Protein backbone atom coordinates (compact mmCIF):
# COMPACT_ATOMS: atom_id res chain seq x y z
CA UNK A 1 -10.71 -13.23 -0.75
CA UNK A 2 -10.41 -17.02 -0.76
CA UNK A 3 -10.26 -19.11 2.41
CA UNK A 4 -7.42 -21.56 2.85
CA UNK A 5 -4.06 -21.23 1.16
CA UNK A 6 -4.05 -19.67 -2.30
CA UNK A 7 -1.77 -18.07 -4.85
CA UNK A 8 -2.54 -14.62 -6.26
CA UNK A 9 -1.48 -13.78 -9.80
CA UNK A 10 -1.56 -10.04 -10.56
CA UNK A 11 -0.56 -8.91 -14.04
CA UNK A 12 -0.91 -6.36 -16.79
CA UNK A 13 0.06 -6.45 -20.46
CA UNK A 14 -0.71 -4.82 -23.81
CA UNK A 15 -4.33 -5.57 -24.68
CA UNK A 16 -5.04 -8.20 -27.33
CA UNK A 17 -7.35 -11.12 -27.94
CA UNK A 18 -6.87 -14.38 -26.09
CA UNK A 19 -5.20 -13.13 -22.89
CA UNK A 20 -7.73 -14.71 -20.51
CA UNK A 21 -7.76 -17.94 -22.48
CA UNK A 22 -3.97 -18.14 -22.43
CA UNK A 23 -3.66 -17.54 -18.69
CA UNK A 24 -6.66 -19.51 -17.43
CA UNK A 25 -5.89 -22.27 -19.92
CA UNK A 26 -2.46 -22.68 -18.34
CA UNK A 27 -4.05 -22.89 -14.88
CA UNK A 28 -6.74 -25.33 -16.03
CA UNK A 29 -4.17 -27.53 -17.77
CA UNK A 30 -2.64 -28.14 -14.33
CA UNK A 31 -6.03 -28.66 -12.62
CA UNK A 32 -5.81 -25.26 -10.93
CA UNK A 33 -8.99 -24.16 -9.16
CA UNK A 34 -9.68 -20.44 -9.67
CA UNK A 35 -11.68 -19.04 -6.75
CA UNK A 36 -11.63 -15.33 -7.61
CA UNK A 37 -10.84 -13.39 -10.78
CA UNK A 38 -10.96 -9.75 -11.85
CA UNK A 39 -10.20 -8.22 -15.24
CA UNK A 40 -10.10 -4.72 -16.72
CA UNK A 41 -9.40 -3.49 -20.24
CA UNK A 42 -8.20 0.12 -20.48
CA UNK A 43 -9.16 1.09 -24.02
CA UNK A 44 -7.42 4.48 -23.82
CA UNK A 45 -4.08 3.04 -22.69
CA UNK A 46 -4.51 -0.18 -24.68
CA UNK A 47 -3.61 -2.23 -21.61
CA UNK A 48 -5.18 -5.24 -19.91
CA UNK A 49 -5.17 -5.87 -16.15
CA UNK A 50 -5.98 -9.05 -14.24
CA UNK A 51 -5.95 -10.55 -10.78
CA UNK A 52 -6.58 -14.28 -10.21
CA UNK A 53 -6.66 -16.36 -7.02
CA UNK A 54 -5.92 -20.09 -7.33
CA UNK A 55 -6.25 -22.74 -4.62
CA UNK A 56 -2.69 -23.75 -3.79
CA UNK A 57 -3.51 -27.39 -3.11
CA UNK A 58 -5.25 -27.76 -6.49
CA UNK A 59 -1.93 -27.44 -8.32
CA UNK A 60 0.64 -30.23 -8.63
CA UNK A 61 3.56 -27.88 -7.91
CA UNK A 62 4.65 -25.10 -5.54
CA UNK A 63 5.06 -21.40 -6.23
CA UNK A 64 8.62 -21.51 -7.57
CA UNK A 65 7.65 -24.05 -10.22
CA UNK A 66 4.51 -22.05 -11.08
CA UNK A 67 6.77 -19.07 -11.77
CA UNK A 68 9.14 -21.03 -13.99
CA UNK A 69 6.34 -22.74 -15.95
CA UNK A 70 4.32 -19.53 -16.39
CA UNK A 71 7.31 -17.34 -17.37
CA UNK A 72 7.24 -18.25 -21.12
CA UNK A 73 3.55 -17.27 -21.33
CA UNK A 74 4.25 -13.99 -19.54
CA UNK A 75 7.08 -13.28 -21.96
CA UNK A 76 4.87 -14.09 -24.94
CA UNK A 77 2.24 -11.62 -23.68
CA UNK A 78 4.85 -8.96 -22.74
CA UNK A 79 3.42 -9.09 -19.23
CA UNK A 80 4.34 -7.32 -15.99
CA UNK A 81 3.38 -9.86 -13.35
CA UNK A 82 3.87 -11.26 -9.90
CA UNK A 83 2.48 -14.20 -7.98
CA UNK A 84 2.33 -14.45 -4.20
CA UNK A 85 1.49 -17.08 -1.58
CA UNK A 86 -1.18 -16.30 1.03
CA UNK A 87 0.69 -18.51 3.51
CA UNK A 88 3.57 -16.02 3.59
CA UNK A 89 2.62 -13.07 5.77
CA UNK A 90 3.69 -9.65 4.50
CA UNK A 91 6.09 -7.77 6.75
CA UNK A 92 4.97 -4.17 7.33
CA UNK A 93 7.27 -1.58 8.91
CA UNK A 94 5.38 1.44 10.28
CA UNK A 95 6.84 4.94 10.43
CA UNK A 96 5.14 7.52 12.67
CA UNK A 97 5.80 10.95 14.17
CA UNK A 98 3.59 12.49 16.89
CA UNK A 99 0.04 11.87 15.57
CA UNK A 100 -1.25 8.65 17.03
CA UNK A 101 -4.55 7.83 15.30
CA UNK A 102 -3.24 5.88 12.28
CA UNK A 103 -0.70 3.96 14.37
CA UNK A 104 -3.34 3.03 16.97
CA UNK A 105 -5.74 1.89 14.26
CA UNK A 106 -3.20 -0.26 12.43
CA UNK A 107 -2.03 -1.96 15.62
CA UNK A 108 -5.63 -2.64 16.65
CA UNK A 109 -6.35 -4.24 13.27
CA UNK A 110 -3.10 -6.22 13.49
CA UNK A 111 -3.84 -7.43 17.03
CA UNK A 112 -7.35 -8.56 16.06
CA UNK A 113 -5.96 -10.37 12.96
CA UNK A 114 -8.06 -8.15 10.70
CA UNK A 115 -4.72 -7.32 9.12
CA UNK A 116 -2.97 -10.69 9.02
CA UNK A 117 0.55 -9.31 8.77
CA UNK A 118 3.87 -9.24 10.59
CA UNK A 119 4.99 -5.90 12.08
CA UNK A 120 8.72 -6.40 12.69
CA UNK A 121 9.19 -2.88 14.04
CA UNK A 122 7.93 0.68 14.32
CA UNK A 123 10.28 3.58 13.52
CA UNK A 124 9.71 7.13 14.72
CA UNK A 125 11.51 10.45 14.72
CA UNK A 126 10.05 11.01 18.22
CA UNK A 127 10.13 8.77 21.30
CA UNK A 128 6.46 9.47 22.09
CA UNK A 129 4.98 6.05 21.33
CA UNK A 130 7.75 3.77 22.57
CA UNK A 131 5.78 2.48 25.55
CA UNK A 132 2.61 1.91 23.54
CA UNK A 133 4.42 0.03 20.76
CA UNK A 134 6.56 -2.07 23.08
CA UNK A 135 3.46 -2.95 25.14
CA UNK A 136 2.29 -4.71 21.95
CA UNK A 137 5.56 -6.67 21.87
CA UNK A 138 6.83 -4.81 18.80
CA UNK A 139 10.39 -3.39 18.65
CA UNK A 140 10.48 0.42 18.58
CA UNK A 141 13.31 2.42 17.03
CA UNK A 142 13.77 6.13 17.74
CA UNK A 143 15.57 7.78 14.81
CA UNK A 144 15.64 11.57 15.34
CA UNK A 145 15.54 13.62 12.15
CA UNK A 146 16.99 17.14 12.06
CA UNK A 147 17.98 19.42 9.17
CA UNK A 148 21.61 18.56 9.96
CA UNK A 149 21.36 14.76 10.11
CA UNK A 150 18.76 13.86 7.47
CA UNK A 151 21.12 11.83 5.30
CA UNK A 152 22.32 9.73 8.25
CA UNK A 153 18.81 9.41 9.72
CA UNK A 154 17.24 8.07 6.54
CA UNK A 155 20.21 5.77 5.97
CA UNK A 156 19.37 4.32 9.39
CA UNK A 157 15.69 4.01 8.45
CA UNK A 158 16.71 2.07 5.35
CA UNK A 159 19.07 -0.11 7.36
CA UNK A 160 16.32 -0.97 9.85
CA UNK A 161 13.87 -1.74 7.04
CA UNK A 162 16.37 -4.07 5.38
CA UNK A 163 17.40 -5.66 8.69
CA UNK A 164 13.76 -6.40 9.53
CA UNK A 165 13.20 -7.87 6.03
CA UNK A 166 10.34 -5.45 5.44
CA UNK A 167 8.06 -5.90 2.44
CA UNK A 168 6.11 -2.65 2.82
CA UNK A 169 6.87 0.64 4.55
CA UNK A 170 3.82 2.56 5.82
CA UNK A 171 4.04 6.26 6.64
CA UNK A 172 1.31 6.47 9.30
CA UNK A 173 1.44 10.27 9.58
CA UNK A 174 5.24 10.30 9.46
CA UNK A 175 5.77 14.02 9.04
CA UNK A 176 9.06 13.92 7.17
CA UNK A 177 9.77 14.01 3.44
CA UNK A 178 11.64 10.90 2.33
CA UNK A 179 14.78 11.52 0.26
CA UNK A 180 14.60 10.59 -3.45
CA UNK A 181 17.12 7.76 -3.07
CA UNK A 182 14.94 6.03 -0.45
CA UNK A 183 11.86 6.38 -2.67
CA UNK A 184 13.80 4.96 -5.60
CA UNK A 185 15.02 1.99 -3.54
CA UNK A 186 11.47 0.76 -2.84
CA UNK A 187 9.14 1.63 -5.74
CA UNK A 188 5.50 0.74 -5.00
CA UNK A 189 6.51 -0.50 -1.56
CA UNK A 190 6.15 2.73 0.45
CA UNK A 191 2.59 3.81 1.29
CA UNK A 192 1.60 7.20 2.68
CA UNK A 193 -1.61 8.67 4.06
CA UNK A 194 -2.01 12.30 3.08
CA UNK A 195 -4.59 14.37 4.92
CA UNK A 196 -6.27 15.88 1.88
CA UNK A 197 -8.12 14.76 -1.23
CA UNK A 198 -5.17 14.85 -3.64
CA UNK A 199 -4.26 16.47 -5.95
CA UNK A 200 -5.69 19.37 -3.91
CA UNK A 201 -3.67 20.84 -1.03
CA UNK A 202 -0.35 19.03 -1.22
CA UNK A 203 2.35 19.52 1.38
CA UNK A 204 1.96 20.83 4.93
CA UNK A 205 -1.21 21.97 6.72
CA UNK A 206 -3.73 20.89 4.07
CA UNK A 207 -6.70 21.42 6.40
CA UNK A 208 -5.67 25.02 6.90
CA UNK A 209 -5.30 25.36 3.13
CA UNK A 210 -8.78 23.89 2.71
CA UNK A 211 -10.22 26.30 5.29
CA UNK A 212 -8.64 29.27 3.51
CA UNK A 213 -10.12 28.08 0.21
CA UNK A 214 -13.59 27.57 1.68
CA UNK A 215 -14.05 24.04 0.39
CA UNK A 216 -17.17 22.03 1.26
CA UNK A 217 -15.51 18.61 1.18
CA UNK A 218 -12.30 17.47 2.87
CA UNK A 219 -10.70 14.09 2.48
CA UNK A 220 -7.71 11.81 2.74
CA UNK A 221 -5.60 9.99 0.17
CA UNK A 222 -3.60 6.77 0.46
CA UNK A 223 -0.90 6.68 -2.21
CA UNK A 224 2.46 5.21 -3.14
CA UNK A 225 5.41 7.42 -2.30
CA UNK A 226 7.61 8.78 -5.07
CA UNK A 227 10.33 11.42 -5.12
CA UNK A 228 7.71 13.99 -6.16
CA UNK A 229 5.92 15.17 -3.01
CA UNK A 230 2.35 13.79 -2.70
CA UNK A 231 2.26 12.92 -6.41
CA UNK A 232 2.54 9.12 -6.32
CA UNK A 233 -0.08 6.71 -7.71
CA UNK A 234 -3.32 6.93 -5.70
CA UNK A 235 -4.60 3.73 -4.06
CA UNK A 236 -7.65 4.90 -2.08
CA UNK A 237 -9.51 8.11 -1.15
CA UNK A 238 -12.54 9.26 0.82
CA UNK A 239 -14.23 12.53 1.77
CA UNK A 240 -16.51 14.09 4.38
CA UNK A 241 -18.75 17.14 4.00
CA UNK A 242 -18.05 20.29 6.04
CA UNK A 243 -19.52 23.80 6.11
CA UNK A 244 -18.65 27.42 6.92
CA UNK A 245 -18.93 26.88 10.66
CA UNK A 246 -16.05 24.37 10.76
CA UNK A 247 -12.70 25.80 11.85
CA UNK A 248 -9.36 24.20 10.90
CA UNK A 249 -9.25 22.37 14.25
CA UNK A 250 -12.67 20.84 13.49
CA UNK A 251 -11.40 19.70 10.09
CA UNK A 252 -8.37 18.10 11.70
CA UNK A 253 -10.64 16.21 14.10
CA UNK A 254 -12.99 15.03 11.34
CA UNK A 255 -10.06 14.17 9.13
CA UNK A 256 -8.48 11.75 11.59
CA UNK A 257 -11.37 9.32 11.16
CA UNK A 258 -11.08 9.44 7.37
CA UNK A 259 -7.29 9.14 7.40
CA UNK A 260 -7.15 5.95 9.44
CA UNK A 261 -9.90 4.18 7.47
CA UNK A 262 -8.49 5.20 4.09
CA UNK A 263 -5.00 4.08 5.13
CA UNK A 264 -6.29 0.72 6.39
CA UNK A 265 -8.25 0.10 3.18
CA UNK A 266 -5.40 1.16 0.94
CA UNK A 267 -2.90 -0.97 2.83
CA UNK A 268 -5.22 -3.98 2.64
CA UNK A 269 -5.64 -3.58 -1.13
CA UNK A 270 -1.86 -3.42 -1.48
CA UNK A 271 -1.21 -6.43 0.75
CA UNK A 272 -3.80 -8.51 -1.13
CA UNK A 273 -2.19 -7.63 -4.48
CA UNK A 274 -5.31 -5.77 -5.59
CA UNK A 275 -3.41 -2.69 -6.79
CA UNK A 276 -1.87 -2.69 -10.27
CA UNK A 277 0.14 0.37 -11.25
CA UNK A 278 0.60 1.67 -14.76
CA UNK A 279 2.43 4.96 -15.10
CA UNK A 280 1.11 7.19 -12.34
CA UNK A 281 -2.34 5.56 -12.24
CA UNK A 282 -3.67 2.49 -10.50
CA UNK A 283 -6.25 -0.19 -11.19
CA UNK A 284 -7.64 -1.40 -7.86
CA UNK A 285 -9.63 -4.67 -7.85
CA UNK A 286 -11.72 -4.31 -4.67
């Protein structure tokens, strides 16, 4: 990642000749200084993916004018694209239940500036971590979720997310299934950490499912949330080897280390605009 202020252009379009020349030619024509670039051609899908970082002070205009000037080229290439400014910190709202390891890890990375983000609030269906979160100077909202009040509870979650001007919602072991309307409201903006190597062992108690199956590897998966449970586009995964002597409780303990590191990596890739989604697959420029 570049130092100093930069703009990040992330885009995909139908593959054809001249895409790089068209895009980088536009940047060069305005004296733009490219400091990092990544490209991928998917021959099976016939689609081209790119991510380009440009020094902000090398251009004679700001982001809004970049968007307006680049729009005709994007339209010509039938491009899905976005461009972001590194000077604008992303606002990440964290949702958590009663498992602390992912929350603790994210707040530690935030406090040390390893994750250079804003955390406007933490939302939980339990009051367990109020003191810990508020000690960090972050507002904490307790929104109980029961079978009887789910509609009202998730309406409140959405209200809090909107009120806090959240960019990304992170389910840091938030053990509730989001309703389809909430998933639809924020496509590619809700990130979950699932405690298995998807697509294996979806749903509840995946470590117990893995134990019953006698697997030799367990893992964790960071993915975008969709209305289909644990089926959203995968951002990042990792595994650890186990053997016959490991009980489900051992797997849970091992898994916590994988979960927090996979979530942190996946969230970072998302925040740095390194994840491009096409259908239910991702291209991740690490």
